[in-house]
Amino acid sequence: PVWAIGTGVAATPEQAQETHKGIRDWIAKNVDQTTADEIRIQYGGSANAKNAPELSAFPDIDGFLVGGASLKPEIADIVAAISAAK
């Protein structure tokens, strides 16, 4: 959600999944199913080492646009979480 970007406040993993699924469903309906299945939808909220494993576990969250955490050592944990899940 817009309120999560750059604030340090993340959406719950369930909120993020619901939004990503809605986007994927829209693409399936308005473009085609193949595109919906193959497109990568990234979470743009506050991804960090703490929430990355749970966010990564959801089927419609394909990656992250990492902000401030990319400048910290925890980036390795974020990359490991998404790599393990996908």
Protein backbone atom coordinates (compact mmCIF):
# COMPACT_ATOMS: atom_id res chain seq x y z
CA PRO A 1 0.00 0.00 0.00
CA VAL A 2 1.04 3.60 -0.60
CA TRP A 3 1.15 4.30 3.12
CA ALA A 4 3.84 1.62 3.58
CA ILE A 5 6.34 2.92 1.02
CA GLY A 6 9.28 4.64 2.64
CA THR A 7 7.66 4.80 6.07
CA GLY A 8 9.25 1.83 7.77
CA VAL A 9 5.72 0.52 8.37
CA ALA A 10 4.97 -2.63 6.44
CA ALA A 11 1.64 -4.05 5.40
CA THR A 12 0.86 -7.37 6.98
CA PRO A 13 1.89 -10.30 4.81
CA GLU A 14 -1.81 -11.11 4.39
CA GLN A 15 -2.55 -7.57 3.14
CA ALA A 16 0.35 -7.77 0.72
CA GLN A 17 -0.77 -11.17 -0.61
CA GLU A 18 -4.36 -9.95 -1.04
CA THR A 19 -3.16 -6.95 -3.06
CA HIS A 20 -0.74 -8.98 -5.18
CA LYS A 21 -3.42 -11.58 -5.90
CA GLY A 22 -5.80 -8.81 -6.94
CA ILE A 23 -3.22 -7.47 -9.37
CA ARG A 24 -2.55 -10.94 -10.77
CA ASP A 25 -6.29 -11.61 -11.13
CA TRP A 26 -6.75 -8.29 -12.94
CA ILE A 27 -3.95 -9.16 -15.38
CA ALA A 28 -5.51 -12.58 -16.02
CA LYS A 29 -8.88 -11.00 -16.77
CA ASN A 30 -7.69 -8.02 -18.80
CA VAL A 31 -4.59 -9.42 -20.53
CA ASP A 32 -4.38 -13.21 -20.36
CA GLN A 33 -3.68 -16.04 -17.92
CA THR A 34 -0.22 -16.80 -19.27
CA THR A 35 0.93 -13.25 -18.65
CA ALA A 36 -0.62 -13.30 -15.17
CA ASP A 37 1.19 -16.53 -14.36
CA GLU A 38 4.56 -15.39 -15.68
CA ILE A 39 4.71 -11.75 -14.57
CA ARG A 40 6.77 -10.88 -11.49
CA ILE A 41 4.92 -8.76 -8.95
CA GLN A 42 7.20 -7.25 -6.33
CA TYR A 43 6.29 -5.95 -2.90
CA GLY A 44 7.28 -2.29 -2.62
CA GLY A 45 6.67 -1.71 1.07
CA SER A 46 9.15 -1.92 3.88
CA ALA A 47 10.78 -5.29 3.32
CA ASN A 48 13.35 -6.24 5.92
CA ALA A 49 15.06 -9.32 7.34
CA LYS A 50 12.24 -9.83 9.83
CA ASN A 51 9.28 -9.83 7.41
CA ALA A 52 10.95 -11.12 4.22
CA PRO A 53 10.61 -14.84 5.05
CA GLU A 54 6.87 -14.57 5.73
CA LEU A 55 6.20 -12.31 2.74
CA SER A 56 8.19 -14.67 0.51
CA ALA A 57 6.02 -17.61 1.49
CA PHE A 58 2.95 -16.18 -0.25
CA PRO A 59 2.40 -17.36 -3.83
CA ASP A 60 1.73 -13.98 -5.43
CA ILE A 61 4.67 -12.10 -3.89
CA ASP A 62 7.55 -12.62 -6.31
CA GLY A 63 10.16 -10.29 -4.87
CA PHE A 64 10.85 -6.98 -3.17
CA LEU A 65 11.81 -3.43 -3.97
CA VAL A 66 14.11 -3.02 -1.00
CA GLY A 67 14.69 0.50 0.30
CA GLY A 68 16.78 1.42 3.32
CA ALA A 69 17.42 -2.19 4.27
CA SER A 70 19.49 -2.52 1.09
CA LEU A 71 22.14 -0.36 2.76
CA LYS A 72 22.40 -2.62 5.79
CA PRO A 73 23.97 -6.05 6.31
CA GLU A 74 20.44 -7.54 6.60
CA ILE A 75 20.12 -7.35 2.80
CA ALA A 76 21.81 -10.77 2.71
CA ASP A 77 19.00 -12.20 4.85
CA ILE A 78 16.34 -10.63 2.60
CA VAL A 79 17.95 -12.11 -0.52
CA ALA A 80 18.26 -15.49 1.19
CA ALA A 81 14.58 -15.46 2.19
CA ILE A 82 13.23 -14.81 -1.31
CA SER A 83 15.76 -17.21 -2.85
CA ALA A 84 14.71 -20.01 -0.53
CA ALA A 85 11.00 -19.44 -1.18
CA LYS A 86 11.09 -19.10 -4.95
